[in-house]
Amino acid sequence: MALKHEPTAPYHSAQDALRVLETVARHTTGVTDVELARHTGLGTERLTTLLRMLRREGYVEQVTDGAYVTGDTLKKLGSTHGRDEALRAQLRRNLDRLRESVGAAIYLSRYVDGEIHVSQCADSPHTPAVNEWVDFRSAAHASAIGKSLLGQLDLNGRRDHLSRHRMARLTSRTITNERLFLTRLDAQAPTVPVLDLQEYAVGTVCAAVPITAGSAVGCLALSLPVQHAHRLREAADTLNRGAAPVLLSLAI
């Protein structure tokens, strides 16, 4: 299965953040922002934004002389002991923060061994998760999660998935014609959030953005009650802007 990765803004942010972290890790006694700019080639404004995010996430710390050193989060994720637990905890913090900033339930999903896996969901009484009335693994054609994940595969990968999962009509808005569905996937720009406008469940709208870490196919998604559909595109843009910390956690 070949992938159709095209770098998105969160991907570029995560890659720049990794360059900063690699430089900090090499300077065990600390490195200043001026030195970081010189070593990474990043502009002052860009570097300042990244350092603010890295400090908030615990990847770097600023010592008394203003220099930056490796933070606890990076140490935990870089350790062979307890890394999986540390990653789950970090992703949970990332998703909870996104839930609060977006004002919607947030989902982290991966495409593994030909199937959709929703690995984490951050919801609350005020931001309820969608009722999974049909297994997401069987509803890729109708959900924003599924469309985002399949959109990152090549044509053969998409056809293989659809050959194993019948395109059932879940609502009156569900696309069940394979040719039309594949044409729409092909026309979807990777930098634009994928939408589900009551195609999976009546009363719910969703959006998803791709997150690419190495060869893995993944996405972040949100769901909203249909009465909040007017917020969907703005919420999707906020989700996309906030995806970099999640991608960074997965890339380390």
C-alpha atoms as a PDB file:
ATOM      1  CA  MET A   1       0.000   0.000   0.000  1.00  0.00           C
ATOM      2  CA  ALA A   2       1.459   3.335  -1.054  1.00  0.00           C
ATOM      3  CA  LEU A   3       0.653   6.560   0.772  1.00  0.00           C
ATOM      4  CA  LYS A   4      -0.250   9.956  -0.617  1.00  0.00           C
ATOM      5  CA  HIS A   5       1.414  12.098   2.026  1.00  0.00           C
ATOM      6  CA  GLU A   6       1.507  15.785   1.263  1.00  0.00           C
ATOM      7  CA  PRO A   7       2.908  17.907   4.097  1.00  0.00           C
ATOM      8  CA  THR A   8       0.356  19.993   5.997  1.00  0.00           C
ATOM      9  CA  ALA A   9       0.957  22.968   8.303  1.00  0.00           C
ATOM     10  CA  PRO A  10       1.001  20.804  11.491  1.00  0.00           C
ATOM     11  CA  TYR A  11       3.564  18.524   9.829  1.00  0.00           C
ATOM     12  CA  HIS A  12       5.867  21.460   9.079  1.00  0.00           C
ATOM     13  CA  SER A  13       5.456  22.776  12.632  1.00  0.00           C
ATOM     14  CA  ALA A  14       6.276  19.369  14.115  1.00  0.00           C
ATOM     15  CA  GLN A  15       9.352  19.014  11.900  1.00  0.00           C
ATOM     16  CA  ASP A  16      10.601  22.471  12.920  1.00  0.00           C
ATOM     17  CA  ALA A  17       9.943  21.616  16.579  1.00  0.00           C
ATOM     18  CA  LEU A  18      11.963  18.407  16.219  1.00  0.00           C
ATOM     19  CA  ARG A  19      14.887  20.443  14.865  1.00  0.00           C
ATOM     20  CA  VAL A  20      14.711  22.677  17.929  1.00  0.00           C
ATOM     21  CA  LEU A  21      14.547  19.677  20.286  1.00  0.00           C
ATOM     22  CA  GLU A  22      17.485  17.962  18.596  1.00  0.00           C
ATOM     23  CA  THR A  23      19.555  21.136  19.040  1.00  0.00           C
ATOM     24  CA  VAL A  24      18.550  21.496  22.696  1.00  0.00           C
ATOM     25  CA  ALA A  25      19.396  17.839  23.346  1.00  0.00           C
ATOM     26  CA  ARG A  26      22.883  18.285  21.869  1.00  0.00           C
ATOM     27  CA  HIS A  27      23.609  21.205  24.217  1.00  0.00           C
ATOM     28  CA  THR A  28      23.369  19.476  27.598  1.00  0.00           C
ATOM     29  CA  THR A  29      24.313  22.616  29.542  1.00  0.00           C
ATOM     30  CA  GLY A  30      21.699  24.745  27.780  1.00  0.00           C
ATOM     31  CA  VAL A  31      21.326  26.768  24.587  1.00  0.00           C
ATOM     32  CA  THR A  32      20.013  30.312  24.096  1.00  0.00           C
ATOM     33  CA  ASP A  33      17.335  31.360  21.639  1.00  0.00           C
ATOM     34  CA  VAL A  34      19.984  33.235  19.614  1.00  0.00           C
ATOM     35  CA  GLU A  35      22.033  30.046  19.332  1.00  0.00           C
ATOM     36  CA  LEU A  36      18.906  28.034  18.492  1.00  0.00           C
ATOM     37  CA  ALA A  37      18.072  30.429  15.670  1.00  0.00           C
ATOM     38  CA  ARG A  38      21.590  30.069  14.280  1.00  0.00           C
ATOM     39  CA  HIS A  39      21.645  26.264  14.514  1.00  0.00           C
ATOM     40  CA  THR A  40      18.115  25.667  13.172  1.00  0.00           C
ATOM     41  CA  GLY A  41      17.878  28.470  10.624  1.00  0.00           C
ATOM     42  CA  LEU A  42      14.438  29.414  11.969  1.00  0.00           C
ATOM     43  CA  GLY A  43      13.310  33.039  12.046  1.00  0.00           C
ATOM     44  CA  THR A  44      12.834  34.806  15.392  1.00  0.00           C
ATOM     45  CA  GLU A  45       9.032  34.900  15.245  1.00  0.00           C
ATOM     46  CA  ARG A  46       8.760  31.254  14.201  1.00  0.00           C
ATOM     47  CA  LEU A  47      11.233  30.136  16.848  1.00  0.00           C
ATOM     48  CA  THR A  48       9.485  32.133  19.578  1.00  0.00           C
ATOM     49  CA  THR A  49       6.144  30.480  18.732  1.00  0.00           C
ATOM     50  CA  LEU A  50       7.696  27.010  18.750  1.00  0.00           C
ATOM     51  CA  LEU A  51       9.527  27.575  22.040  1.00  0.00           C
ATOM     52  CA  ARG A  52       6.295  28.777  23.665  1.00  0.00           C
ATOM     53  CA  MET A  53       4.582  25.543  22.580  1.00  0.00           C
ATOM     54  CA  LEU A  54       7.541  23.362  23.616  1.00  0.00           C
ATOM     55  CA  ARG A  55       7.658  24.953  27.079  1.00  0.00           C
ATOM     56  CA  ARG A  56       3.890  24.557  27.540  1.00  0.00           C
ATOM     57  CA  GLU A  57       4.115  20.877  26.570  1.00  0.00           C
ATOM     58  CA  GLY A  58       7.098  20.264  28.868  1.00  0.00           C
ATOM     59  CA  TYR A  59       9.562  19.396  26.101  1.00  0.00           C
ATOM     60  CA  VAL A  60      11.991  22.157  27.077  1.00  0.00           C
ATOM     61  CA  GLU A  61      12.614  24.207  30.218  1.00  0.00           C
ATOM     62  CA  GLN A  62      14.206  27.616  30.596  1.00  0.00           C
ATOM     63  CA  VAL A  63      16.915  27.827  33.259  1.00  0.00           C
ATOM     64  CA  THR A  64      17.956  30.890  35.274  1.00  0.00           C
ATOM     65  CA  ASP A  65      20.271  32.340  32.625  1.00  0.00           C
ATOM     66  CA  GLY A  66      17.546  32.112  29.972  1.00  0.00           C
ATOM     67  CA  ALA A  67      19.021  29.113  28.186  1.00  0.00           C
ATOM     68  CA  TYR A  68      16.851  26.161  27.196  1.00  0.00           C
ATOM     69  CA  VAL A  69      17.400  22.579  28.390  1.00  0.00           C
ATOM     70  CA  THR A  70      15.558  19.303  27.861  1.00  0.00           C
ATOM     71  CA  GLY A  71      12.240  19.093  29.747  1.00  0.00           C
ATOM     72  CA  ASP A  72      10.596  16.217  31.611  1.00  0.00           C
ATOM     73  CA  THR A  73       8.179  15.336  28.799  1.00  0.00           C
ATOM     74  CA  LEU A  74      10.990  14.800  26.309  1.00  0.00           C
ATOM     75  CA  LYS A  75      12.915  12.719  28.852  1.00  0.00           C
ATOM     76  CA  LYS A  76       9.877  10.494  29.470  1.00  0.00           C
ATOM     77  CA  LEU A  77       9.048  10.031  25.777  1.00  0.00           C
ATOM     78  CA  GLY A  78      12.710   9.369  24.994  1.00  0.00           C
ATOM     79  CA  SER A  79      12.988   6.681  27.668  1.00  0.00           C
ATOM     80  CA  THR A  80      12.601   2.991  26.877  1.00  0.00           C
ATOM     81  CA  HIS A  81      10.963   2.415  30.266  1.00  0.00           C
ATOM     82  CA  GLY A  82       7.383   3.610  30.537  1.00  0.00           C
ATOM     83  CA  ARG A  83       7.363   5.343  27.156  1.00  0.00           C
ATOM     84  CA  ASP A  84       3.953   3.978  26.080  1.00  0.00           C
ATOM     85  CA  GLU A  85       2.308   5.174  29.280  1.00  0.00           C
ATOM     86  CA  ALA A  86       4.002   8.573  28.979  1.00  0.00           C
ATOM     87  CA  LEU A  87       2.834   8.882  25.351  1.00  0.00           C
ATOM     88  CA  ARG A  88      -0.769   8.038  26.251  1.00  0.00           C
ATOM     89  CA  ALA A  89      -0.716  10.613  29.038  1.00  0.00           C
ATOM     90  CA  GLN A  90       0.789  13.285  26.788  1.00  0.00           C
ATOM     91  CA  LEU A  91      -1.734  12.609  24.025  1.00  0.00           C
ATOM     92  CA  ARG A  92      -4.549  12.740  26.574  1.00  0.00           C
ATOM     93  CA  ARG A  93      -3.373  16.206  27.691  1.00  0.00           C
ATOM     94  CA  ASN A  94      -3.121  17.297  24.032  1.00  0.00           C
ATOM     95  CA  LEU A  95      -6.635  16.074  23.221  1.00  0.00           C
ATOM     96  CA  ASP A  96      -8.178  17.540  26.373  1.00  0.00           C
ATOM     97  CA  ARG A  97      -6.638  20.920  25.543  1.00  0.00           C
ATOM     98  CA  LEU A  98      -7.977  20.699  21.981  1.00  0.00           C
ATOM     99  CA  ARG A  99     -11.440  19.760  23.279  1.00  0.00           C
ATOM    100  CA  GLU A 100     -11.467  22.923  25.382  1.00  0.00           C
ATOM    101  CA  SER A 101     -10.122  25.227  22.652  1.00  0.00           C
ATOM    102  CA  VAL A 102     -12.311  23.782  19.872  1.00  0.00           C
ATOM    103  CA  GLY A 103     -15.427  23.263  21.990  1.00  0.00           C
ATOM    104  CA  ALA A 104     -16.097  19.792  20.583  1.00  0.00           C
ATOM    105  CA  ALA A 105     -15.377  16.126  21.203  1.00  0.00           C
ATOM    106  CA  ILE A 106     -11.937  15.219  19.772  1.00  0.00           C
ATOM    107  CA  TYR A 107     -10.815  11.877  18.335  1.00  0.00           C
ATOM    108  CA  LEU A 108      -7.369  10.485  17.497  1.00  0.00           C
ATOM    109  CA  SER A 109      -7.496   7.760  14.863  1.00  0.00           C
ATOM    110  CA  ARG A 110      -5.001   5.606  12.996  1.00  0.00           C
ATOM    111  CA  TYR A 111      -5.190   3.326   9.957  1.00  0.00           C
ATOM    112  CA  VAL A 112      -3.433   0.104  10.996  1.00  0.00           C
ATOM    113  CA  ASP A 113      -3.261  -3.170   9.049  1.00  0.00           C
ATOM    114  CA  GLY A 114      -6.101  -2.137   6.769  1.00  0.00           C
ATOM    115  CA  GLU A 115      -8.506  -1.063   9.502  1.00  0.00           C
ATOM    116  CA  ILE A 116      -9.626   2.147  11.220  1.00  0.00           C
ATOM    117  CA  HIS A 117      -8.772   2.424  14.911  1.00  0.00           C
ATOM    118  CA  VAL A 118     -10.028   5.270  17.111  1.00  0.00           C
ATOM    119  CA  SER A 119      -7.270   5.152  19.713  1.00  0.00           C
ATOM    120  CA  GLN A 120      -8.381   8.020  21.961  1.00  0.00           C
ATOM    121  CA  CYS A 121     -11.404  10.267  22.419  1.00  0.00           C
ATOM    122  CA  ALA A 122     -11.666  13.402  24.560  1.00  0.00           C
ATOM    123  CA  ASP A 123     -15.277  14.284  25.341  1.00  0.00           C
ATOM    124  CA  SER A 124     -17.268  15.789  28.201  1.00  0.00           C
ATOM    125  CA  PRO A 125     -20.904  16.366  29.174  1.00  0.00           C
ATOM    126  CA  HIS A 126     -20.755  19.687  27.292  1.00  0.00           C
ATOM    127  CA  THR A 127     -18.937  18.171  24.280  1.00  0.00           C
ATOM    128  CA  PRO A 128     -20.453  14.689  23.884  1.00  0.00           C
ATOM    129  CA  ALA A 129     -18.913  12.086  21.571  1.00  0.00           C
ATOM    130  CA  VAL A 130     -20.933  10.841  18.628  1.00  0.00           C
ATOM    131  CA  ASN A 131     -22.966   7.716  19.302  1.00  0.00           C
ATOM    132  CA  GLU A 132     -21.045   4.980  17.457  1.00  0.00           C
ATOM    133  CA  TRP A 133     -24.189   3.260  16.232  1.00  0.00           C
ATOM    134  CA  VAL A 134     -22.251   1.645  13.368  1.00  0.00           C
ATOM    135  CA  ASP A 135     -18.671   0.472  13.940  1.00  0.00           C
ATOM    136  CA  PHE A 136     -16.303   3.148  12.575  1.00  0.00           C
ATOM    137  CA  ARG A 137     -14.316   0.346  10.902  1.00  0.00           C
ATOM    138  CA  SER A 138     -17.301  -0.320   8.654  1.00  0.00           C
ATOM    139  CA  ALA A 139     -18.208   3.321   8.026  1.00  0.00           C
ATOM    140  CA  ALA A 140     -15.128   4.880   6.427  1.00  0.00           C
ATOM    141  CA  HIS A 141     -17.219   6.037   3.459  1.00  0.00           C
ATOM    142  CA  ALA A 142     -19.568   7.987   5.730  1.00  0.00           C
ATOM    143  CA  SER A 143     -17.364   9.429   8.482  1.00  0.00           C
ATOM    144  CA  ALA A 144     -14.917  12.328   8.456  1.00  0.00           C
ATOM    145  CA  ILE A 145     -12.412  10.032  10.198  1.00  0.00           C
ATOM    146  CA  GLY A 146     -12.716   7.390   7.499  1.00  0.00           C
ATOM    147  CA  LYS A 147     -12.549   9.836   4.629  1.00  0.00           C
ATOM    148  CA  SER A 148      -9.456  11.513   6.070  1.00  0.00           C
ATOM    149  CA  LEU A 149      -7.669   8.197   6.582  1.00  0.00           C
ATOM    150  CA  LEU A 150      -8.612   6.744   3.195  1.00  0.00           C
ATOM    151  CA  GLY A 151      -7.676  10.049   1.581  1.00  0.00           C
ATOM    152  CA  GLN A 152      -4.087   9.442   2.680  1.00  0.00           C
ATOM    153  CA  LEU A 153      -3.922   6.098   0.838  1.00  0.00           C
ATOM    154  CA  ASP A 154      -3.317   5.554  -2.863  1.00  0.00           C
ATOM    155  CA  LEU A 155      -6.106   4.346  -5.151  1.00  0.00           C
ATOM    156  CA  ASN A 156      -5.294   0.669  -4.657  1.00  0.00           C
ATOM    157  CA  GLY A 157      -5.356   1.101  -0.887  1.00  0.00           C
ATOM    158  CA  ARG A 158      -8.732   2.827  -1.055  1.00  0.00           C
ATOM    159  CA  ARG A 159     -10.221   0.163  -3.336  1.00  0.00           C
ATOM    160  CA  ASP A 160      -8.860  -2.596  -1.119  1.00  0.00           C
ATOM    161  CA  HIS A 161     -10.575  -1.072   1.906  1.00  0.00           C
ATOM    162  CA  LEU A 162     -13.894  -0.609   0.097  1.00  0.00           C
ATOM    163  CA  SER A 163     -13.754  -4.188  -1.203  1.00  0.00           C
ATOM    164  CA  ARG A 164     -13.737  -5.363   2.429  1.00  0.00           C
ATOM    165  CA  HIS A 165     -16.353  -2.938   3.754  1.00  0.00           C
ATOM    166  CA  ARG A 166     -19.624  -2.520   1.877  1.00  0.00           C
ATOM    167  CA  MET A 167     -20.697   1.101   1.408  1.00  0.00           C
ATOM    168  CA  ALA A 168     -23.989   0.897   3.313  1.00  0.00           C
ATOM    169  CA  ARG A 169     -26.448   3.793   3.379  1.00  0.00           C
ATOM    170  CA  LEU A 170     -26.412   5.081   6.966  1.00  0.00           C
ATOM    171  CA  THR A 171     -28.420   8.272   6.389  1.00  0.00           C
ATOM    172  CA  SER A 172     -30.058   9.930   3.400  1.00  0.00           C
ATOM    173  CA  ARG A 173     -26.803  11.882   2.874  1.00  0.00           C
ATOM    174  CA  THR A 174     -24.452   8.880   2.760  1.00  0.00           C
ATOM    175  CA  ILE A 175     -22.597   8.376  -0.531  1.00  0.00           C
ATOM    176  CA  THR A 176     -22.861   4.716  -1.558  1.00  0.00           C
ATOM    177  CA  ASN A 177     -21.560   4.984  -5.133  1.00  0.00           C
ATOM    178  CA  GLU A 178     -17.906   3.891  -5.098  1.00  0.00           C
ATOM    179  CA  ARG A 179     -16.893   5.844  -8.211  1.00  0.00           C
ATOM    180  CA  LEU A 180     -18.430   9.077  -6.861  1.00  0.00           C
ATOM    181  CA  PHE A 181     -16.848   8.492  -3.454  1.00  0.00           C
ATOM    182  CA  LEU A 182     -13.369   7.900  -4.923  1.00  0.00           C
ATOM    183  CA  THR A 183     -13.720  10.955  -7.165  1.00  0.00           C
ATOM    184  CA  ARG A 184     -14.558  13.134  -4.150  1.00  0.00           C
ATOM    185  CA  LEU A 185     -11.628  11.719  -2.181  1.00  0.00           C
ATOM    186  CA  ASP A 186      -9.279  12.450  -5.065  1.00  0.00           C
ATOM    187  CA  ALA A 187     -10.508  16.052  -5.266  1.00  0.00           C
ATOM    188  CA  GLN A 188      -9.950  16.639  -1.527  1.00  0.00           C
ATOM    189  CA  ALA A 189      -6.901  18.795  -0.850  1.00  0.00           C
ATOM    190  CA  PRO A 190      -4.832  17.365   2.044  1.00  0.00           C
ATOM    191  CA  THR A 191      -4.575  20.770   3.699  1.00  0.00           C
ATOM    192  CA  VAL A 192      -8.372  21.250   3.815  1.00  0.00           C
ATOM    193  CA  PRO A 193     -10.370  19.526   6.602  1.00  0.00           C
ATOM    194  CA  VAL A 194     -12.651  16.657   5.516  1.00  0.00           C
ATOM    195  CA  LEU A 195     -16.282  17.152   6.531  1.00  0.00           C
ATOM    196  CA  ASP A 196     -19.127  14.782   7.401  1.00  0.00           C
ATOM    197  CA  LEU A 197     -22.462  16.588   7.211  1.00  0.00           C
ATOM    198  CA  GLN A 198     -24.848  14.037   8.781  1.00  0.00           C
ATOM    199  CA  GLU A 199     -23.516  11.282   6.511  1.00  0.00           C
ATOM    200  CA  TYR A 200     -22.687   8.940   9.404  1.00  0.00           C
ATOM    201  CA  ALA A 201     -25.390   9.913  11.900  1.00  0.00           C
ATOM    202  CA  VAL A 202     -28.409  12.171  11.720  1.00  0.00           C
ATOM    203  CA  GLY A 203     -27.945  15.051  14.147  1.00  0.00           C
ATOM    204  CA  THR A 204     -24.121  15.093  14.073  1.00  0.00           C
ATOM    205  CA  VAL A 205     -21.547  16.880  11.907  1.00  0.00           C
ATOM    206  CA  CYS A 206     -17.827  16.096  11.947  1.00  0.00           C
ATOM    207  CA  ALA A 207     -14.516  17.251  10.536  1.00  0.00           C
ATOM    208  CA  ALA A 208     -11.079  15.617  10.345  1.00  0.00           C
ATOM    209  CA  VAL A 209      -7.533  16.697   9.533  1.00  0.00           C
ATOM    210  CA  PRO A 210      -4.619  14.379   8.640  1.00  0.00           C
ATOM    211  CA  ILE A 211      -1.655  13.890  10.949  1.00  0.00           C
ATOM    212  CA  THR A 212       1.313  12.187   9.340  1.00  0.00           C
ATOM    213  CA  ALA A 213       4.090  10.708  11.487  1.00  0.00           C
ATOM    214  CA  GLY A 214       6.601   8.772   9.411  1.00  0.00           C
ATOM    215  CA  SER A 215       4.806   6.124   7.370  1.00  0.00           C
ATOM    216  CA  ALA A 216       1.798   6.024   9.714  1.00  0.00           C
ATOM    217  CA  VAL A 217      -1.610   7.215   8.550  1.00  0.00           C
ATOM    218  CA  GLY A 218      -3.597   9.106  11.158  1.00  0.00           C
ATOM    219  CA  CYS A 219      -6.066  11.914  11.711  1.00  0.00           C
ATOM    220  CA  LEU A 220      -7.582  14.180  14.321  1.00  0.00           C
ATOM    221  CA  ALA A 221     -11.336  14.643  14.178  1.00  0.00           C
ATOM    222  CA  LEU A 222     -14.107  16.519  15.955  1.00  0.00           C
ATOM    223  CA  SER A 223     -17.855  16.067  16.235  1.00  0.00           C
ATOM    224  CA  LEU A 224     -20.600  18.582  16.956  1.00  0.00           C
ATOM    225  CA  PRO A 225     -24.380  18.369  17.345  1.00  0.00           C
ATOM    226  CA  VAL A 226     -26.036  19.557  14.141  1.00  0.00           C
ATOM    227  CA  GLN A 227     -27.375  22.662  15.905  1.00  0.00           C
ATOM    228  CA  HIS A 228     -23.737  23.803  16.101  1.00  0.00           C
ATOM    229  CA  ALA A 229     -23.064  23.119  12.408  1.00  0.00           C
ATOM    230  CA  HIS A 230     -22.435  26.822  11.841  1.00  0.00           C
ATOM    231  CA  ARG A 231     -19.250  26.435  13.937  1.00  0.00           C
ATOM    232  CA  LEU A 232     -17.932  23.427  12.040  1.00  0.00           C
ATOM    233  CA  ARG A 233     -15.489  25.082   9.641  1.00  0.00           C
ATOM    234  CA  GLU A 234     -14.077  27.439  12.258  1.00  0.00           C
ATOM    235  CA  ALA A 235     -13.735  24.517  14.689  1.00  0.00           C
ATOM    236  CA  ALA A 236     -11.985  22.459  11.997  1.00  0.00           C
ATOM    237  CA  ASP A 237      -9.509  25.281  11.354  1.00  0.00           C
ATOM    238  CA  THR A 238      -8.808  25.548  15.103  1.00  0.00           C
ATOM    239  CA  LEU A 239      -8.287  21.789  15.234  1.00  0.00           C
ATOM    240  CA  ASN A 240      -5.853  21.945  12.323  1.00  0.00           C
ATOM    241  CA  ARG A 241      -3.877  24.789  13.910  1.00  0.00           C
ATOM    242  CA  GLY A 242      -3.676  22.864  17.173  1.00  0.00           C
ATOM    243  CA  ALA A 243      -2.627  19.536  15.680  1.00  0.00           C
ATOM    244  CA  ALA A 244       1.146  20.092  15.827  1.00  0.00           C
ATOM    245  CA  PRO A 245       1.621  19.065  19.507  1.00  0.00           C
ATOM    246  CA  VAL A 246      -0.213  15.783  18.847  1.00  0.00           C
ATOM    247  CA  LEU A 247       1.910  15.099  15.794  1.00  0.00           C
ATOM    248  CA  LEU A 248       5.057  15.967  17.711  1.00  0.00           C
ATOM    249  CA  SER A 249       4.178  13.514  20.495  1.00  0.00           C
ATOM    250  CA  LEU A 250       3.749  10.742  17.919  1.00  0.00           C
ATOM    251  CA  ALA A 251       6.954  11.645  16.069  1.00  0.00           C
ATOM    252  CA  ILE A 252       9.329  11.537  19.052  1.00  0.00           C
END
